Every structure is written in C-alpha cells, then in structure tokens.
Amino acid sequence: MTPPESTPPVEPRHDSAVEILYRPAALLSMRPKTRGTYTQHRNVVYAEACGAGLIMDVFYPLRNASGSAVVDVIGSGWMADRIALNEHIGLGAVDALCDRGLTVFAVSPGSVTLFTGLQMVHHVHAALRHIKHHGADYGIHPRRIGILGASAGGHLAAMAALTPQPGHPAARPPLRRWATDVAAVAVLFPPTDLVEYGGARFDQIQIEGFDPGRLLFRDGLDGKSEAEVLEKLTALSPARLPVATPPPFMIVQGKKDLIVPWKQAEKLAAALRRAGGLATVRYHETGGHPWPDIHKDIGDMACWLDERLGAVPA
C-alpha cells in the first residue's frame, strides 16, 4: 500500500543524532543544493559488523510515493561518510529520485580503513535484506528496488547487483529469508575491471591517500602471492564476474576521466551484453570525474530507474 501523501511511513528504527569521529570535515554545515522534496531520517541502523552499527539515511518523497525504492551506495574512494552523502545530495540525486516518488536509502557500506571490498559488498547485501524485510514499514515494495552508485559506490553497487544472494525461506533469522536481487542498476563512472585498469593492475596504481591493497586484503598486500592478488582482483571486478541473468544497467561515464578510465564502462557493458543483459551506456565526451552539468545525467538516470522499477509487477 502506498503511504498517504505528505506522510512518511513509520520507521522501524529511530532517527538518531550521533557524533562523527575521525573525519572532522563531515561535521561542516555544507547546506547542499536541494529543492527539499523529501523528509530525511538519519542514521538508521541496517546491520552490525564487528560490533559497530552500519547505517543509512532514508529519504521519503513528500508527494506521490510510488512504492519503488533506490539504494544509493555511498562511497568516495571506498570511504563512506557524510561528506560523500552530501555530495550526492548536492548533485541533485536525492531530489531527482524523490521528485518521481521514489524512496531513497543512502547506504553507507563502511570504509576501506576498516573493511575489504568484498566485506563492503556483503554489507550492501545486508542493507538490501533489511530494506526488503521492513518494506511495509518503509512503504516500499520489495520487488521494486533499484541500486545506484557513483565511482567507488558505483563499483560496490554493480558488485552487489551482479552477485545476488538467494533467500532461504526456512531460515531461522527472518532477514535471511530475503534474496538480495535488484530490478535495475544505474552507475556513474564505476571501476569495473581491476585486473586491467587503464593499462595496469589496480593494485599497482598510485592514488594519494589510498592503499589499493587494503581493498583486497584486510592487512594489505604484504606476504600475498601473485595468484592470491589476481584472485582478489578478479573477484572484485564486475566486468569479470560469471553472470547468468543480469538486471538492466545504465552506465554514465566521462571520456576525460583521469581516475576511472572510460573503457571501464565499455568493459562492463560488453560483459552484460554477453550474458544476455541490457546495458545502456552514455558517454560524456568532455566529462571528468565528475563534470559541471552532471545533474542533467543524474536526472536522466532517475527517470530511467523510475520507468524500470515502475514496470516491475507489484
């Protein structure tokens, strides 16, 4: 049932004010550009990892809630915090989705300082199980869920979408009864092939302030064999995953991107098409990482997600 207009559904978790540690810039009042077409509930705990809560913010549309939802995977350089979330809000992603009646779950999957890439993918699966299990409380339909991400968040979104976990109807924990498949995927400039990343392996590239080895192994690359490293790189490459029936994808990529080589988008699209899936690719010829008018592409992605999710039977 669609929640009444202008009245967000009851939350299964309380909105909480929490202290943000170690990333002082996340405390700044950034006041991102927004039309305010939603109600925001902060710090909803969707899972626990190593004794710490994994959180998300939920954005309810103020008008015409459709029952469809989008999981927005937050992450910049595989760091998830309010700095990255404010960037998504400021670029208009939440407004564009809520304008169309979509409920948005801005999921923080953790950061590479604490978790490996595969662990963060598992956290996205946990978020999907939580959201589906509490679908009635959130006012959304479990089958009408899409996933969105940009850059590292796009990488994790694609990974989660292409490695859906089955549900187990007889499982004692009710959350485990839910599968983690999604109905549509929209990603902006995601890394997709870590084995061949612009002429080098991802573990060999140099990015200031980022250790790619920590994405692969909790303790980095020390003592790891070439075979072990290659196995992890392959397992974390959406374009190299063995996929049977992929959901439809929309991929947006800048041709002048100096961080994610533009051919990463084409590699993922080719892999999806080989598997019989639909891959819509839009290149921005002068786009970097990102570009000044990216809000237009985000608006198109929101429209595409709305159409795809709306076509899924309730």
Protein backbone atom coordinates (compact mmCIF):
# COMPACT_ATOMS: atom_id res chain seq x y z
CA MET A 1 0.00 0.00 0.00
CA THR A 2 1.30 3.46 -0.87
CA PRO A 3 1.68 5.73 2.17
CA PRO A 4 -0.62 8.77 2.35
CA GLU A 5 0.55 11.86 0.54
CA SER A 6 2.97 14.01 2.56
CA THR A 7 3.08 11.44 5.39
CA PRO A 8 6.19 9.26 5.53
CA PRO A 9 5.68 5.70 6.80
CA VAL A 10 6.66 4.70 10.30
CA GLU A 11 10.36 3.90 10.67
CA PRO A 12 11.44 0.53 12.07
CA ARG A 13 14.46 2.35 13.56
CA HIS A 14 14.69 5.69 15.32
CA ASP A 15 16.34 8.67 13.67
CA SER A 16 19.45 9.29 15.77
CA ALA A 17 21.94 12.07 16.28
CA VAL A 18 25.42 10.57 16.58
CA GLU A 19 28.89 12.01 16.99
CA ILE A 20 31.08 11.75 13.89
CA LEU A 21 34.65 10.74 14.72
CA TYR A 22 37.91 10.84 12.73
CA ARG A 23 36.51 12.77 9.73
CA PRO A 24 36.06 16.34 11.06
CA ALA A 25 35.01 17.74 7.69
CA ALA A 26 31.86 15.62 7.88
CA LEU A 27 30.69 17.96 10.66
CA LEU A 28 30.63 21.02 8.40
CA SER A 29 27.26 22.57 7.59
CA MET A 30 27.59 22.13 3.85
CA ARG A 31 23.99 23.01 3.02
CA PRO A 32 23.95 21.22 -0.33
CA LYS A 33 21.66 22.47 -3.06
CA THR A 34 18.29 20.79 -2.73
CA ARG A 35 14.67 21.52 -3.52
CA GLY A 36 13.59 19.80 -0.31
CA THR A 37 11.22 17.31 -1.93
CA TYR A 38 11.73 14.77 0.83
CA THR A 39 11.85 14.03 4.54
CA GLN A 40 15.24 12.74 5.71
CA HIS A 41 15.65 10.22 8.53
CA ARG A 42 19.29 9.90 9.58
CA ASN A 43 21.40 7.09 11.00
CA VAL A 44 19.05 4.17 10.57
CA VAL A 45 20.97 1.03 11.56
CA TYR A 46 20.57 -1.76 8.99
CA ALA A 47 23.19 -4.24 10.24
CA GLU A 48 26.02 -4.78 12.70
CA ALA A 49 29.61 -5.56 11.74
CA CYS A 50 32.39 -6.26 14.23
CA GLY A 51 30.31 -4.72 17.00
CA ALA A 52 29.64 -1.49 15.10
CA GLY A 53 26.39 -0.38 13.54
CA LEU A 54 26.15 0.05 9.77
CA ILE A 55 23.89 2.97 8.96
CA MET A 56 21.84 4.53 6.21
CA ASP A 57 19.74 7.65 5.76
CA VAL A 58 16.23 7.25 4.39
CA PHE A 59 14.69 9.93 2.18
CA TYR A 60 10.90 9.76 1.85
CA PRO A 61 9.24 11.64 -1.03
CA LEU A 62 6.79 14.25 0.19
CA ARG A 63 4.42 13.67 -2.73
CA ASN A 64 3.23 10.81 -4.91
CA ALA A 65 5.18 8.00 -3.25
CA SER A 66 5.14 5.13 -5.75
CA GLY A 67 6.33 2.24 -3.59
CA SER A 68 9.52 1.98 -5.65
CA ALA A 69 12.89 2.48 -3.98
CA VAL A 70 16.54 3.08 -4.83
CA VAL A 71 19.52 2.07 -2.74
CA ASP A 72 22.18 4.75 -3.21
CA VAL A 73 25.53 3.22 -2.23
CA ILE A 74 27.61 5.98 -0.66
CA GLY A 75 31.35 5.89 -1.18
CA SER A 76 34.17 8.08 -2.44
CA GLY A 77 37.45 6.22 -2.71
CA TRP A 78 35.69 3.42 -0.80
CA MET A 79 35.16 5.82 2.11
CA ALA A 80 31.55 6.20 3.22
CA ASP A 81 30.62 9.21 5.35
CA ARG A 82 28.52 12.36 5.34
CA ILE A 83 30.97 14.16 3.10
CA ALA A 84 30.19 11.70 0.31
CA LEU A 85 26.47 11.70 1.15
CA ASN A 86 26.33 15.50 1.00
CA GLU A 87 27.95 15.32 -2.44
CA HIS A 88 25.12 13.07 -3.64
CA ILE A 89 22.54 15.45 -2.20
CA GLY A 90 24.31 18.48 -3.64
CA LEU A 91 24.48 16.96 -7.11
CA GLY A 92 20.71 16.54 -7.02
CA ALA A 93 20.50 12.75 -6.83
CA VAL A 94 18.06 12.61 -3.92
CA ASP A 95 15.86 15.39 -5.30
CA ALA A 96 15.74 13.78 -8.74
CA LEU A 97 14.63 10.44 -7.29
CA CYS A 98 12.21 11.76 -4.67
CA ASP A 99 10.66 14.10 -7.27
CA ARG A 100 9.49 10.94 -9.01
CA GLY A 101 8.04 9.37 -5.88
CA LEU A 102 10.98 7.05 -5.21
CA THR A 103 12.12 6.37 -1.65
CA VAL A 104 15.91 6.61 -1.35
CA PHE A 105 18.08 4.58 1.01
CA ALA A 106 21.53 6.17 1.20
CA VAL A 107 23.54 3.20 2.42
CA SER A 108 26.98 3.57 4.00
CA PRO A 109 28.67 0.18 3.48
CA GLY A 110 31.71 1.04 5.60
CA SER A 111 35.15 2.31 4.63
CA VAL A 112 38.32 0.71 3.32
CA THR A 113 40.11 1.70 6.52
CA LEU A 114 38.00 -0.91 8.31
CA PHE A 115 36.68 -3.34 5.70
CA THR A 116 37.78 -5.01 2.47
CA GLY A 117 35.93 -4.53 -0.78
CA LEU A 118 34.19 -7.90 -0.55
CA GLN A 119 33.11 -7.17 3.02
CA MET A 120 31.56 -3.89 1.86
CA VAL A 121 29.71 -5.77 -0.89
CA HIS A 122 28.32 -8.10 1.79
CA HIS A 123 27.19 -5.03 3.72
CA VAL A 124 25.22 -3.82 0.69
CA HIS A 125 23.54 -7.23 0.57
CA ALA A 126 22.71 -6.87 4.27
CA ALA A 127 21.13 -3.48 3.58
CA LEU A 128 19.01 -4.97 0.80
CA ARG A 129 17.80 -7.76 3.09
CA HIS A 130 16.94 -5.25 5.80
CA ILE A 131 15.06 -2.96 3.42
CA LYS A 132 13.08 -5.81 1.88
CA HIS A 133 12.23 -7.31 5.27
CA HIS A 134 10.96 -3.94 6.52
CA GLY A 135 9.39 -2.99 3.19
CA ALA A 136 5.93 -2.45 4.67
CA ASP A 137 7.34 -0.15 7.35
CA TYR A 138 9.23 1.87 4.74
CA GLY A 139 6.25 1.99 2.38
CA ILE A 140 8.06 0.27 -0.49
CA HIS A 141 7.60 -2.93 -2.47
CA PRO A 142 10.49 -5.42 -2.11
CA ARG A 143 10.46 -6.27 -5.81
CA ARG A 144 10.68 -2.64 -6.92
CA ILE A 145 14.16 -1.85 -5.68
CA GLY A 146 16.95 -0.46 -7.83
CA ILE A 147 20.52 0.38 -6.91
CA LEU A 148 22.63 3.45 -7.69
CA GLY A 149 26.24 4.45 -7.11
CA ALA A 150 29.00 6.74 -8.31
CA SER A 151 32.69 5.92 -8.60
CA ALA A 152 33.61 3.55 -5.73
CA GLY A 153 29.93 3.48 -4.74
CA GLY A 154 29.11 2.51 -8.33
CA HIS A 155 31.66 -0.30 -8.13
CA LEU A 156 30.05 -1.68 -4.96
CA ALA A 157 26.55 -1.22 -6.41
CA ALA A 158 27.49 -3.17 -9.55
CA MET A 159 29.20 -5.86 -7.48
CA ALA A 160 26.13 -6.33 -5.28
CA ALA A 161 23.75 -6.34 -8.24
CA LEU A 162 25.78 -8.99 -10.07
CA THR A 163 26.26 -11.26 -7.04
CA PRO A 164 22.70 -11.54 -5.68
CA GLN A 165 22.36 -13.73 -2.61
CA PRO A 166 19.47 -16.22 -2.57
CA GLY A 167 16.82 -16.11 0.10
CA HIS A 168 16.28 -19.10 2.35
CA PRO A 169 12.56 -19.36 3.21
CA ALA A 170 13.18 -21.79 6.07
CA ALA A 171 15.97 -19.75 7.66
CA ARG A 172 15.55 -19.04 11.37
CA PRO A 173 16.77 -15.41 11.09
CA PRO A 174 13.94 -13.70 9.17
CA LEU A 175 16.33 -11.39 7.32
CA ARG A 176 17.99 -14.40 5.68
CA ARG A 177 14.71 -15.35 4.04
CA TRP A 178 15.10 -12.48 1.60
CA ALA A 179 17.09 -12.60 -1.63
CA THR A 180 19.19 -9.55 -2.47
CA ASP A 181 18.41 -9.21 -6.17
CA VAL A 182 17.57 -5.77 -7.57
CA ALA A 183 15.41 -4.78 -10.53
CA ALA A 184 17.64 -2.11 -12.11
CA VAL A 185 21.12 -0.62 -11.74
CA ALA A 186 22.38 2.89 -12.52
CA VAL A 187 26.07 3.68 -12.04
CA LEU A 188 28.32 6.64 -12.77
CA PHE A 189 31.99 6.13 -13.71
CA PRO A 190 32.45 2.86 -11.78
CA PRO A 191 35.68 0.85 -11.70
CA THR A 192 34.71 -2.46 -13.32
CA ASP A 193 37.91 -4.33 -14.22
CA LEU A 194 40.62 -4.25 -11.56
CA VAL A 195 42.79 -6.73 -13.45
CA GLU A 196 43.26 -4.42 -16.43
CA TYR A 197 42.74 -0.87 -15.23
CA GLY A 198 43.89 1.54 -17.87
CA GLY A 199 46.98 -0.47 -18.75
CA ALA A 200 47.87 -1.53 -15.20
CA ARG A 201 46.55 -3.74 -12.45
CA PHE A 202 44.58 -1.89 -9.82
CA ASP A 203 46.92 -2.96 -7.03
CA GLN A 204 49.79 -1.26 -8.89
CA ILE A 205 48.25 2.18 -9.34
CA GLN A 206 49.14 5.08 -7.07
CA ILE A 207 46.40 7.28 -5.62
CA GLU A 208 47.29 9.81 -2.95
CA GLY A 209 45.92 8.78 0.43
CA PHE A 210 44.65 5.40 -0.80
CA ASP A 211 46.22 1.95 -0.47
CA PRO A 212 44.61 -0.33 -3.10
CA GLY A 213 45.95 -3.38 -1.28
CA ARG A 214 43.62 -2.68 1.65
CA LEU A 215 40.67 -3.02 -0.69
CA LEU A 216 41.77 -6.58 -1.44
CA PHE A 217 43.06 -7.80 1.92
CA ARG A 218 42.49 -6.58 5.46
CA ASP A 219 46.24 -6.39 6.11
CA GLY A 220 47.26 -5.21 2.64
CA LEU A 221 49.48 -6.93 0.09
CA ASP A 222 52.43 -7.88 2.30
CA GLY A 223 53.13 -11.59 2.06
CA LYS A 224 50.46 -12.21 -0.59
CA SER A 225 51.33 -14.24 -3.67
CA GLU A 226 50.64 -13.11 -7.24
CA ALA A 227 47.96 -15.79 -7.50
CA GLU A 228 46.20 -14.55 -4.36
CA VAL A 229 46.27 -10.95 -5.55
CA LEU A 230 44.97 -11.84 -9.00
CA GLU A 231 42.17 -13.92 -7.48
CA LYS A 232 41.01 -10.98 -5.37
CA LEU A 233 41.28 -8.51 -8.24
CA THR A 234 39.13 -10.79 -10.40
CA ALA A 235 36.57 -11.35 -7.64
CA LEU A 236 36.23 -7.56 -7.24
CA SER A 237 35.82 -6.87 -10.98
CA PRO A 238 32.15 -6.58 -12.02
CA ALA A 239 33.16 -6.95 -15.69
CA ARG A 240 34.80 -10.31 -14.93
CA LEU A 241 32.09 -11.90 -12.80
CA PRO A 242 30.32 -15.01 -14.15
CA VAL A 243 26.79 -13.68 -14.58
CA ALA A 244 23.74 -15.59 -15.79
CA THR A 245 20.80 -13.15 -15.83
CA PRO A 246 21.96 -9.61 -15.03
CA PRO A 247 19.44 -6.86 -14.26
CA PRO A 248 19.28 -3.92 -16.70
CA PHE A 249 22.10 -1.40 -16.31
CA MET A 250 22.52 2.26 -17.16
CA ILE A 251 26.17 3.37 -17.13
CA VAL A 252 27.30 7.01 -17.38
CA GLN A 253 30.98 7.73 -17.97
CA GLY A 254 33.14 10.74 -18.82
CA LYS A 255 35.64 10.32 -21.66
CA LYS A 256 38.13 12.66 -19.91
CA ASP A 257 38.02 10.88 -16.57
CA LEU A 258 41.54 10.79 -15.08
CA ILE A 259 40.57 8.49 -12.19
CA VAL A 260 38.41 5.81 -13.82
CA PRO A 261 39.46 5.04 -17.43
CA TRP A 262 36.44 5.44 -19.68
CA LYS A 263 36.87 1.97 -21.17
CA GLN A 264 35.89 0.55 -17.79
CA ALA A 265 32.30 1.39 -18.71
CA GLU A 266 32.56 -0.36 -22.06
CA LYS A 267 34.05 -3.47 -20.45
CA LEU A 268 31.11 -3.80 -18.08
CA ALA A 269 28.58 -3.12 -20.83
CA ALA A 270 30.17 -5.78 -23.07
CA ALA A 271 30.13 -8.34 -20.25
CA LEU A 272 26.47 -7.64 -19.50
CA ARG A 273 25.51 -7.97 -23.16
CA ARG A 274 27.40 -11.25 -23.50
CA ALA A 275 25.32 -12.53 -20.59
CA GLY A 276 22.12 -11.51 -22.37
CA GLY A 277 21.54 -8.40 -20.30
CA LEU A 278 20.60 -4.85 -21.22
CA ALA A 279 23.31 -2.21 -20.91
CA THR A 280 22.59 1.42 -21.76
CA VAL A 281 25.82 3.43 -21.87
CA ARG A 282 26.03 7.21 -22.05
CA TYR A 283 29.40 8.85 -22.59
CA HIS A 284 30.11 12.48 -21.77
CA GLU A 285 32.80 13.44 -24.27
CA THR A 286 34.37 16.15 -22.11
CA GLY A 287 33.37 14.71 -18.75
CA GLY A 288 35.88 14.13 -15.98
CA HIS A 289 35.20 12.75 -12.51
CA PRO A 290 32.56 14.25 -12.43
CA TRP A 291 31.64 17.24 -14.67
CA PRO A 292 29.84 20.56 -14.12
CA ASP A 293 26.43 19.68 -15.54
CA ILE A 294 26.29 16.10 -14.28
CA HIS A 295 22.97 16.88 -12.61
CA LYS A 296 21.38 16.54 -16.06
CA ASP A 297 22.68 12.98 -16.40
CA ILE A 298 21.57 12.21 -12.85
CA GLY A 299 18.09 13.42 -13.74
CA ASP A 300 18.04 11.10 -16.75
CA MET A 301 19.20 8.20 -14.57
CA ALA A 302 16.42 8.91 -12.08
CA CYS A 303 13.87 8.89 -14.91
CA TRP A 304 15.32 5.62 -16.25
CA LEU A 305 15.19 3.99 -12.80
CA ASP A 306 11.62 5.18 -12.25
CA GLU A 307 10.50 3.67 -15.56
CA ARG A 308 12.31 0.38 -14.96
CA LEU A 309 11.05 -0.06 -11.42
CA GLY A 310 7.53 1.03 -12.30
CA ALA A 311 7.34 -1.76 -14.87
CA VAL A 312 8.01 -4.43 -12.23
CA PRO A 313 4.77 -6.16 -11.14
CA ALA A 314 3.89 -5.42 -7.52
